[in-house]
Amino acid sequence: MILIQPDITVIANAIGEPSRAKMLIALMSGKALTATELALEADITAQTASSHLLKLVNSQLLVVRKQGRHKYFQLKDHTIAELLEQLLNIS
């Protein structure tokens, strides 16, 4: 039987980048935001935001919901918000 060890470095790396951290914090209220709105929150271009958002989705921190021609990004669940809150308290 092979046990797969959890790798916290994937999550830590995803959260640890300053622009991604700003986007995650902007989503802590539970509200879903577009890539454009998140780019403004992080003070980066829409293209850069898209790259960061892909990493956050692939790290399973965010989910994407399509509504019409827009994509809305939201924290995967409340445990992500709780993790971010704990990190904010520590920092």
N, C-alpha and C. Protein backbone atom coordinates (compact mmCIF):
# COMPACT_ATOMS: atom_id res chain seq x y z
N MET A 1 0.84 -1.18 0.00
CA MET A 1 0.00 0.00 0.00
C MET A 1 0.88 1.25 0.00
N ILE A 2 0.63 2.12 -0.96
CA ILE A 2 1.42 3.35 -1.08
C ILE A 2 0.62 4.49 -0.46
N LEU A 3 1.25 5.17 0.49
CA LEU A 3 0.62 6.33 1.11
C LEU A 3 1.14 7.59 0.44
N ILE A 4 0.24 8.46 0.06
CA ILE A 4 0.62 9.73 -0.53
C ILE A 4 0.70 10.76 0.59
N GLN A 5 1.86 11.34 0.74
CA GLN A 5 2.07 12.34 1.77
C GLN A 5 1.54 13.69 1.30
N PRO A 6 0.84 14.41 2.17
CA PRO A 6 0.40 15.75 1.81
C PRO A 6 1.61 16.65 1.56
N ASP A 7 1.47 17.54 0.60
CA ASP A 7 2.56 18.47 0.27
C ASP A 7 2.06 19.90 0.47
N ILE A 8 2.35 20.47 1.64
CA ILE A 8 1.87 21.82 1.93
C ILE A 8 2.59 22.88 1.12
N THR A 9 3.71 22.52 0.50
CA THR A 9 4.46 23.52 -0.26
C THR A 9 3.67 24.02 -1.47
N VAL A 10 2.82 23.18 -2.03
CA VAL A 10 2.01 23.59 -3.19
C VAL A 10 1.08 24.73 -2.78
N ILE A 11 0.39 24.55 -1.65
CA ILE A 11 -0.54 25.57 -1.16
C ILE A 11 0.22 26.80 -0.69
N ALA A 12 1.31 26.57 0.03
CA ALA A 12 2.11 27.70 0.55
C ALA A 12 2.66 28.54 -0.60
N ASN A 13 3.11 27.89 -1.65
CA ASN A 13 3.63 28.61 -2.81
C ASN A 13 2.53 29.41 -3.50
N ALA A 14 1.35 28.83 -3.61
CA ALA A 14 0.23 29.51 -4.27
C ALA A 14 -0.19 30.74 -3.48
N ILE A 15 -0.25 30.61 -2.16
CA ILE A 15 -0.68 31.72 -1.32
C ILE A 15 0.44 32.75 -1.15
N GLY A 16 1.68 32.29 -1.15
CA GLY A 16 2.82 33.13 -0.80
C GLY A 16 3.21 34.20 -1.80
N GLU A 17 2.72 34.13 -3.01
CA GLU A 17 3.05 35.16 -4.01
C GLU A 17 2.19 36.39 -3.72
N PRO A 18 2.79 37.59 -3.60
CA PRO A 18 2.05 38.78 -3.17
C PRO A 18 0.78 39.11 -3.96
N SER A 19 0.80 39.02 -5.26
CA SER A 19 -0.40 39.34 -6.06
C SER A 19 -1.49 38.32 -5.81
N ARG A 20 -1.12 37.05 -5.74
CA ARG A 20 -2.11 36.01 -5.47
C ARG A 20 -2.69 36.17 -4.07
N ALA A 21 -1.84 36.54 -3.12
CA ALA A 21 -2.32 36.76 -1.75
C ALA A 21 -3.35 37.89 -1.72
N LYS A 22 -3.10 38.96 -2.44
CA LYS A 22 -4.06 40.08 -2.49
C LYS A 22 -5.39 39.64 -3.10
N MET A 23 -5.32 38.82 -4.13
CA MET A 23 -6.55 38.34 -4.76
C MET A 23 -7.32 37.43 -3.81
N LEU A 24 -6.62 36.56 -3.11
CA LEU A 24 -7.27 35.67 -2.15
C LEU A 24 -7.93 36.46 -1.02
N ILE A 25 -7.23 37.46 -0.52
CA ILE A 25 -7.78 38.29 0.55
C ILE A 25 -9.04 39.02 0.07
N ALA A 26 -9.01 39.47 -1.18
CA ALA A 26 -10.18 40.16 -1.75
C ALA A 26 -11.40 39.24 -1.82
N LEU A 27 -11.16 37.94 -1.89
CA LEU A 27 -12.25 36.97 -1.99
C LEU A 27 -12.72 36.43 -0.64
N MET A 28 -12.10 36.86 0.44
CA MET A 28 -12.43 36.32 1.76
C MET A 28 -13.86 36.61 2.20
N SER A 29 -14.48 37.64 1.65
CA SER A 29 -15.85 37.98 2.04
C SER A 29 -16.86 36.95 1.55
N GLY A 30 -16.43 36.09 0.63
CA GLY A 30 -17.33 35.09 0.08
C GLY A 30 -17.93 35.51 -1.25
N LYS A 31 -17.73 36.77 -1.61
CA LYS A 31 -18.25 37.27 -2.88
C LYS A 31 -17.38 36.77 -4.04
N ALA A 32 -18.01 36.41 -5.13
CA ALA A 32 -17.28 36.00 -6.34
C ALA A 32 -16.92 37.26 -7.14
N LEU A 33 -15.70 37.28 -7.67
CA LEU A 33 -15.23 38.43 -8.44
C LEU A 33 -14.69 37.97 -9.79
N THR A 34 -14.71 38.89 -10.76
CA THR A 34 -14.17 38.59 -12.08
C THR A 34 -12.65 38.75 -12.05
N ALA A 35 -11.99 38.25 -13.08
CA ALA A 35 -10.55 38.40 -13.21
C ALA A 35 -10.17 39.88 -13.26
N THR A 36 -10.98 40.68 -13.93
CA THR A 36 -10.71 42.12 -14.02
C THR A 36 -10.76 42.77 -12.65
N GLU A 37 -11.77 42.42 -11.86
CA GLU A 37 -11.88 42.97 -10.51
C GLU A 37 -10.71 42.53 -9.64
N LEU A 38 -10.30 41.28 -9.78
CA LEU A 38 -9.18 40.78 -9.00
C LEU A 38 -7.86 41.40 -9.45
N ALA A 39 -7.73 41.68 -10.73
CA ALA A 39 -6.53 42.36 -11.23
C ALA A 39 -6.42 43.74 -10.59
N LEU A 40 -7.54 44.44 -10.49
CA LEU A 40 -7.54 45.76 -9.85
C LEU A 40 -7.16 45.65 -8.38
N GLU A 41 -7.68 44.65 -7.69
CA GLU A 41 -7.36 44.45 -6.27
C GLU A 41 -5.87 44.21 -6.07
N ALA A 42 -5.26 43.48 -7.00
CA ALA A 42 -3.85 43.13 -6.88
C ALA A 42 -2.92 44.13 -7.57
N ASP A 43 -3.51 45.12 -8.25
CA ASP A 43 -2.75 46.15 -8.98
C ASP A 43 -1.82 45.52 -10.02
N ILE A 44 -2.42 44.62 -10.82
CA ILE A 44 -1.69 43.95 -11.89
C ILE A 44 -2.54 43.97 -13.15
N THR A 45 -1.96 43.61 -14.29
CA THR A 45 -2.71 43.58 -15.54
C THR A 45 -3.66 42.38 -15.55
N ALA A 46 -4.66 42.46 -16.40
CA ALA A 46 -5.63 41.36 -16.53
C ALA A 46 -4.94 40.08 -16.99
N GLN A 47 -3.96 40.21 -17.87
CA GLN A 47 -3.24 39.04 -18.37
C GLN A 47 -2.46 38.36 -17.24
N THR A 48 -1.80 39.16 -16.42
CA THR A 48 -1.06 38.61 -15.28
C THR A 48 -2.03 37.97 -14.29
N ALA A 49 -3.16 38.62 -14.05
CA ALA A 49 -4.17 38.08 -13.14
C ALA A 49 -4.65 36.72 -13.63
N SER A 50 -4.88 36.59 -14.92
CA SER A 50 -5.35 35.31 -15.47
C SER A 50 -4.36 34.19 -15.19
N SER A 51 -3.08 34.48 -15.31
CA SER A 51 -2.04 33.49 -15.03
C SER A 51 -2.07 33.10 -13.56
N HIS A 52 -2.17 34.08 -12.67
CA HIS A 52 -2.23 33.81 -11.24
C HIS A 52 -3.50 33.03 -10.87
N LEU A 53 -4.61 33.42 -11.46
CA LEU A 53 -5.88 32.75 -11.16
C LEU A 53 -5.85 31.28 -11.59
N LEU A 54 -5.22 31.00 -12.71
CA LEU A 54 -5.07 29.61 -13.15
C LEU A 54 -4.30 28.80 -12.11
N LYS A 55 -3.24 29.38 -11.56
CA LYS A 55 -2.46 28.68 -10.53
C LYS A 55 -3.30 28.45 -9.28
N LEU A 56 -4.12 29.44 -8.91
CA LEU A 56 -4.96 29.29 -7.71
C LEU A 56 -6.05 28.24 -7.92
N VAL A 57 -6.59 28.18 -9.13
CA VAL A 57 -7.60 27.16 -9.45
C VAL A 57 -6.93 25.78 -9.45
N ASN A 58 -5.77 25.68 -10.08
CA ASN A 58 -5.06 24.40 -10.14
C ASN A 58 -4.61 23.92 -8.76
N SER A 59 -4.38 24.86 -7.85
CA SER A 59 -4.00 24.52 -6.48
C SER A 59 -5.23 24.20 -5.62
N GLN A 60 -6.39 24.25 -6.23
CA GLN A 60 -7.68 23.95 -5.59
C GLN A 60 -8.02 24.91 -4.46
N LEU A 61 -7.58 26.17 -4.61
CA LEU A 61 -7.95 27.21 -3.66
C LEU A 61 -9.18 27.98 -4.13
N LEU A 62 -9.36 28.04 -5.45
CA LEU A 62 -10.48 28.77 -6.05
C LEU A 62 -11.32 27.86 -6.92
N VAL A 63 -12.57 28.26 -7.09
CA VAL A 63 -13.45 27.64 -8.08
C VAL A 63 -13.89 28.73 -9.05
N VAL A 64 -14.23 28.31 -10.25
CA VAL A 64 -14.66 29.25 -11.29
C VAL A 64 -16.10 28.94 -11.63
N ARG A 65 -16.90 29.99 -11.73
CA ARG A 65 -18.28 29.84 -12.17
C ARG A 65 -18.50 30.75 -13.37
N LYS A 66 -19.06 30.18 -14.41
CA LYS A 66 -19.35 30.97 -15.61
C LYS A 66 -20.78 31.48 -15.53
N GLN A 67 -20.92 32.75 -15.85
CA GLN A 67 -22.25 33.34 -15.91
C GLN A 67 -22.26 34.20 -17.16
N GLY A 68 -22.97 33.71 -18.16
CA GLY A 68 -22.93 34.39 -19.45
C GLY A 68 -21.53 34.30 -20.02
N ARG A 69 -20.99 35.42 -20.43
CA ARG A 69 -19.62 35.40 -20.97
C ARG A 69 -18.57 35.73 -19.92
N HIS A 70 -18.99 35.89 -18.68
CA HIS A 70 -18.06 36.24 -17.60
C HIS A 70 -17.73 35.02 -16.75
N LYS A 71 -16.50 35.02 -16.24
CA LYS A 71 -16.07 34.00 -15.28
C LYS A 71 -15.93 34.68 -13.94
N TYR A 72 -16.49 34.04 -12.92
CA TYR A 72 -16.40 34.55 -11.56
C TYR A 72 -15.58 33.59 -10.72
N PHE A 73 -14.66 34.15 -9.96
CA PHE A 73 -13.78 33.35 -9.12
C PHE A 73 -14.20 33.51 -7.67
N GLN A 74 -14.13 32.39 -6.93
CA GLN A 74 -14.56 32.37 -5.55
C GLN A 74 -13.68 31.38 -4.79
N LEU A 75 -13.47 31.62 -3.50
CA LEU A 75 -12.74 30.65 -2.69
C LEU A 75 -13.46 29.32 -2.75
N LYS A 76 -12.69 28.24 -2.77
CA LYS A 76 -13.27 26.91 -2.91
C LYS A 76 -14.27 26.61 -1.80
N ASP A 77 -13.93 26.94 -0.57
CA ASP A 77 -14.85 26.75 0.55
C ASP A 77 -14.38 27.57 1.75
N HIS A 78 -15.13 27.48 2.83
CA HIS A 78 -14.84 28.30 4.01
C HIS A 78 -13.51 27.95 4.65
N THR A 79 -13.00 26.74 4.44
CA THR A 79 -11.73 26.38 5.06
C THR A 79 -10.58 27.20 4.48
N ILE A 80 -10.69 27.60 3.23
CA ILE A 80 -9.66 28.44 2.62
C ILE A 80 -9.68 29.82 3.28
N ALA A 81 -10.86 30.37 3.49
CA ALA A 81 -10.99 31.66 4.17
C ALA A 81 -10.44 31.57 5.59
N GLU A 82 -10.71 30.47 6.27
CA GLU A 82 -10.20 30.28 7.63
C GLU A 82 -8.68 30.22 7.65
N LEU A 83 -8.10 29.52 6.67
CA LEU A 83 -6.64 29.44 6.56
C LEU A 83 -6.06 30.83 6.34
N LEU A 84 -6.65 31.59 5.44
CA LEU A 84 -6.16 32.94 5.16
C LEU A 84 -6.28 33.83 6.40
N GLU A 85 -7.38 33.68 7.12
CA GLU A 85 -7.57 34.48 8.34
C GLU A 85 -6.49 34.14 9.37
N GLN A 86 -6.19 32.86 9.51
CA GLN A 86 -5.13 32.46 10.44
C GLN A 86 -3.78 33.04 10.02
N LEU A 87 -3.49 32.99 8.74
CA LEU A 87 -2.22 33.56 8.25
C LEU A 87 -2.16 35.06 8.48
N LEU A 88 -3.28 35.74 8.28
CA LEU A 88 -3.33 37.17 8.55
C LEU A 88 -3.10 37.46 10.03
N ASN A 89 -3.67 36.64 10.91
CA ASN A 89 -3.47 36.82 12.34
C ASN A 89 -2.01 36.61 12.74
N ILE A 90 -1.38 35.63 12.14
CA ILE A 90 0.02 35.34 12.45
C ILE A 90 0.93 36.45 11.94
N SER A 91 0.59 36.99 10.78
CA SER A 91 1.47 38.02 10.19
C SER A 91 1.26 39.36 10.86
